[in-house]
Amino acid sequence: MAGDTVITIIGNLTADPEMRFTPSGAAVASFTIASTPRTFNRQTNEWQDAETLFMRCSIWRDAAENVAESLTKGMRVIAQGRLQQRSYTDREGAQRTVVEMQVDEIGPSLRRAKAQVTRTGGQGGYGGNQGGGYQGGAQNQGGQGGGSWGNQGGQSGYNAPRGGAADDPWATGGSTSFGDEPPF
């Protein structure tokens, strides 16, 4: 939405995502990401942690269910979304204001981990999933796996036919005359 403050935050989940449903049946998952910036102090020749940011986050609908099933406490995640500020009155009658993140996209950080991705049924974002691209995110309990890139059958997202010319070494559907090494 125009005018929203979009940010990307990288950090660790402080607890398992909490799943709930609105009275109309929409799923929402809430969680907190702890992000601690680190800087290198040249005088002491050591890394130093700055103050930790605890960002309260929520994600809605099918993505909420995927998050609740895939992400757990302590996992390092990358989340992108919009900052939203809201005010409320607490139980003691005091006015409070909080800044929260409405998450649009989230997934595990693969810098020091692997993820096994399982594509879910529904439509993808931005006009529907037309094949190609990163296909969702789920992580098994053992913390193993890997992403699923590309087309899982049918046509690619650019209305190009699957595969290519028979002698095309980059074709996805045919065999090549060389092993796992590229032809250059």
Protein backbone atom coordinates (compact mmCIF):
# COMPACT_ATOMS: atom_id res chain seq x y z
CA MET A 1 0.00 0.00 0.00
CA ALA A 2 1.31 3.46 -0.86
CA GLY A 3 2.81 5.36 2.03
CA ASP A 4 3.44 2.31 4.22
CA THR A 5 6.80 1.92 5.90
CA VAL A 6 8.21 -1.36 4.53
CA ILE A 7 11.09 -2.97 6.40
CA THR A 8 13.03 -6.21 6.38
CA ILE A 9 14.12 -7.67 9.70
CA ILE A 10 16.46 -10.58 10.33
CA GLY A 11 16.49 -12.19 13.73
CA ASN A 12 15.45 -15.12 15.90
CA LEU A 13 11.94 -16.10 16.97
CA THR A 14 11.57 -15.66 20.74
CA ALA A 15 8.80 -18.28 20.98
CA ASP A 16 6.73 -20.55 18.77
CA PRO A 17 4.24 -18.56 16.69
CA GLU A 18 0.82 -18.27 18.37
CA MET A 19 -2.04 -19.20 16.05
CA ARG A 20 -5.60 -17.91 16.50
CA PHE A 21 -8.67 -17.29 14.38
CA THR A 22 -10.84 -14.19 14.09
CA PRO A 23 -14.62 -14.53 14.57
CA SER A 24 -14.96 -14.54 10.77
CA GLY A 25 -12.55 -17.49 10.54
CA ALA A 26 -9.40 -15.73 9.28
CA ALA A 27 -6.20 -17.26 10.63
CA VAL A 28 -3.58 -15.01 12.22
CA ALA A 29 -0.20 -16.02 13.62
CA SER A 30 1.59 -13.72 16.06
CA PHE A 31 5.25 -13.92 17.01
CA THR A 32 8.20 -11.81 18.10
CA ILE A 33 11.50 -11.49 16.24
CA ALA A 34 14.58 -10.52 18.27
CA SER A 35 17.17 -8.73 16.15
CA THR A 36 20.54 -7.77 17.62
CA PRO A 37 22.82 -5.64 15.47
CA ARG A 38 26.54 -6.35 15.79
CA THR A 39 29.38 -3.97 15.09
CA PHE A 40 33.12 -4.50 14.99
CA ASN A 41 35.10 -2.39 17.47
CA ARG A 42 38.50 -1.74 15.86
CA GLN A 43 40.00 -0.53 19.13
CA THR A 44 39.29 -3.76 21.03
CA ASN A 45 39.35 -5.93 17.88
CA GLU A 46 36.07 -7.59 18.98
CA TRP A 47 32.46 -7.81 17.87
CA GLN A 48 30.00 -5.98 20.11
CA ASP A 49 26.26 -6.47 20.37
CA ALA A 50 24.05 -3.40 20.29
CA GLU A 51 20.65 -3.18 21.95
CA THR A 52 18.24 -5.92 20.85
CA LEU A 53 15.10 -4.93 18.97
CA PHE A 54 12.05 -7.06 19.83
CA MET A 55 9.58 -6.64 16.96
CA ARG A 56 6.07 -7.97 17.51
CA CYS A 57 4.76 -9.39 14.22
CA SER A 58 1.59 -10.87 12.77
CA ILE A 59 0.78 -12.62 9.51
CA TRP A 60 -2.66 -13.52 8.18
CA ARG A 61 -4.62 -16.28 6.42
CA ASP A 62 -2.88 -19.20 4.68
CA ALA A 63 0.57 -17.75 5.35
CA ALA A 64 -0.29 -17.70 9.07
CA GLU A 65 -1.00 -21.43 9.01
CA ASN A 66 2.24 -22.08 7.11
CA VAL A 67 4.22 -20.05 9.66
CA ALA A 68 2.63 -21.83 12.63
CA GLU A 69 3.43 -25.23 11.11
CA SER A 70 6.93 -24.38 9.86
CA LEU A 71 8.70 -22.00 12.24
CA THR A 72 9.64 -22.60 15.87
CA LYS A 73 11.32 -20.83 18.76
CA GLY A 74 14.97 -19.94 18.14
CA MET A 75 14.83 -20.18 14.35
CA ARG A 76 16.61 -17.42 12.47
CA VAL A 77 14.14 -15.82 10.05
CA ILE A 78 13.99 -13.08 7.44
CA ALA A 79 10.71 -11.17 7.44
CA GLN A 80 9.50 -8.32 5.28
CA GLY A 81 6.42 -6.30 6.01
CA ARG A 82 4.85 -2.99 6.92
CA LEU A 83 5.20 -1.12 10.18
CA GLN A 84 1.90 -0.17 11.76
CA GLN A 85 1.30 1.93 14.81
CA ARG A 86 -1.77 1.47 16.98
CA SER A 87 -2.99 2.93 20.23
CA TYR A 88 -5.05 1.23 22.91
CA THR A 89 -6.07 1.57 26.55
CA ASP A 90 -4.57 -1.03 28.89
CA ARG A 91 -6.32 -2.69 31.84
CA GLU A 92 -5.25 0.09 34.20
CA GLY A 93 -6.75 2.72 31.90
CA ALA A 94 -3.43 4.07 30.60
CA GLN A 95 -3.11 5.03 26.92
CA ARG A 96 -0.50 2.89 25.14
CA THR A 97 0.98 3.08 21.65
CA VAL A 98 2.78 0.19 19.98
CA VAL A 99 4.55 -0.29 16.66
CA GLU A 100 4.06 -3.72 15.11
CA MET A 101 4.95 -5.37 11.84
CA GLN A 102 2.32 -6.79 9.48
CA VAL A 103 4.41 -9.46 7.76
CA ASP A 104 4.00 -9.93 4.01
CA GLU A 105 6.80 -12.47 3.47
CA ILE A 106 8.78 -14.63 5.90
CA GLY A 107 11.10 -17.60 5.73
CA PRO A 108 13.99 -19.25 7.50
CA SER A 109 17.45 -17.77 7.08
CA LEU A 110 19.59 -20.24 5.19
CA ARG A 111 22.94 -18.76 6.17
CA ARG A 112 23.55 -21.45 8.80
CA ALA A 113 20.63 -23.82 8.18
CA LYS A 114 18.83 -25.81 5.51
CA ALA A 115 15.09 -25.89 4.86
CA GLN A 116 12.91 -28.48 3.15
CA VAL A 117 10.22 -26.63 1.22
CA THR A 118 6.81 -28.13 0.61
CA ARG A 119 4.51 -26.25 -1.73
CA THR A 120 0.97 -25.77 -0.46
CA GLY A 121 -2.22 -25.82 -2.53
CA GLY A 122 -3.58 -22.28 -3.00
CA GLN A 123 -2.77 -19.43 -5.33
CA GLY A 124 0.54 -17.63 -5.06
CA GLY A 125 0.71 -13.90 -4.43
CA TYR A 126 0.97 -11.16 -7.03
CA GLY A 127 -1.55 -12.52 -9.52
CA GLY A 128 -1.29 -16.21 -8.77
CA ASN A 129 1.48 -18.74 -8.96
CA GLN A 130 2.38 -19.38 -12.57
CA GLY A 131 5.30 -21.70 -11.92
CA GLY A 132 8.92 -20.81 -11.40
CA GLY A 133 10.38 -18.96 -8.44
CA TYR A 134 10.67 -19.92 -4.80
CA GLN A 135 7.81 -22.16 -3.76
CA GLY A 136 6.86 -21.50 -0.13
CA GLY A 137 8.59 -22.55 3.08
CA ALA A 138 8.41 -25.36 5.57
CA GLN A 139 11.08 -26.73 7.83
CA ASN A 140 11.06 -30.20 9.27
CA GLN A 141 11.77 -30.86 12.93
CA GLY A 142 15.34 -31.96 12.28
CA GLY A 143 16.23 -28.61 10.73
CA GLN A 144 17.24 -30.22 7.45
CA GLY A 145 16.12 -29.72 3.89
CA GLY A 146 16.45 -27.32 1.00
CA GLY A 147 14.47 -24.83 -1.04
CA SER A 148 12.46 -25.68 -4.10
CA TRP A 149 13.20 -23.36 -7.00
CA GLY A 150 11.80 -23.39 -10.46
CA ASN A 151 8.91 -25.00 -12.18
CA GLN A 152 7.31 -28.15 -10.84
CA GLY A 153 5.69 -29.06 -14.16
CA GLY A 154 3.76 -27.35 -16.88
CA GLN A 155 4.90 -23.98 -18.13
CA SER A 156 7.19 -21.43 -16.57
CA GLY A 157 5.95 -18.06 -15.31
CA TYR A 158 6.80 -16.35 -18.62
CA ASN A 159 4.59 -18.51 -20.86
CA ALA A 160 7.69 -20.22 -22.24
CA PRO A 161 7.39 -23.94 -22.93
CA ARG A 162 8.92 -26.29 -20.38
CA GLY A 163 12.37 -27.56 -21.33
CA GLY A 164 13.76 -26.15 -24.54
CA ALA A 165 15.53 -27.29 -27.66
CA ALA A 166 16.86 -30.85 -27.58
CA ASP A 167 20.45 -29.62 -27.72
CA ASP A 168 19.91 -26.88 -25.09
CA PRO A 169 22.24 -27.72 -22.13
CA TRP A 170 20.08 -25.59 -19.81
CA ALA A 171 16.86 -27.41 -20.66
CA THR A 172 14.96 -28.63 -17.62
CA GLY A 173 13.33 -31.67 -19.19
CA GLY A 174 16.01 -33.35 -21.29
CA SER A 175 19.29 -35.08 -20.71
CA THR A 176 22.66 -33.62 -21.56
CA SER A 177 25.92 -35.03 -22.83
CA PHE A 178 27.83 -33.84 -19.77
CA GLY A 179 27.58 -34.62 -16.08
CA ASP A 180 26.87 -32.11 -13.37
CA GLU A 181 29.39 -29.62 -14.69
CA PRO A 182 28.28 -26.67 -16.84
CA PRO A 183 29.57 -26.64 -20.46
CA PHE A 184 31.96 -23.68 -19.94
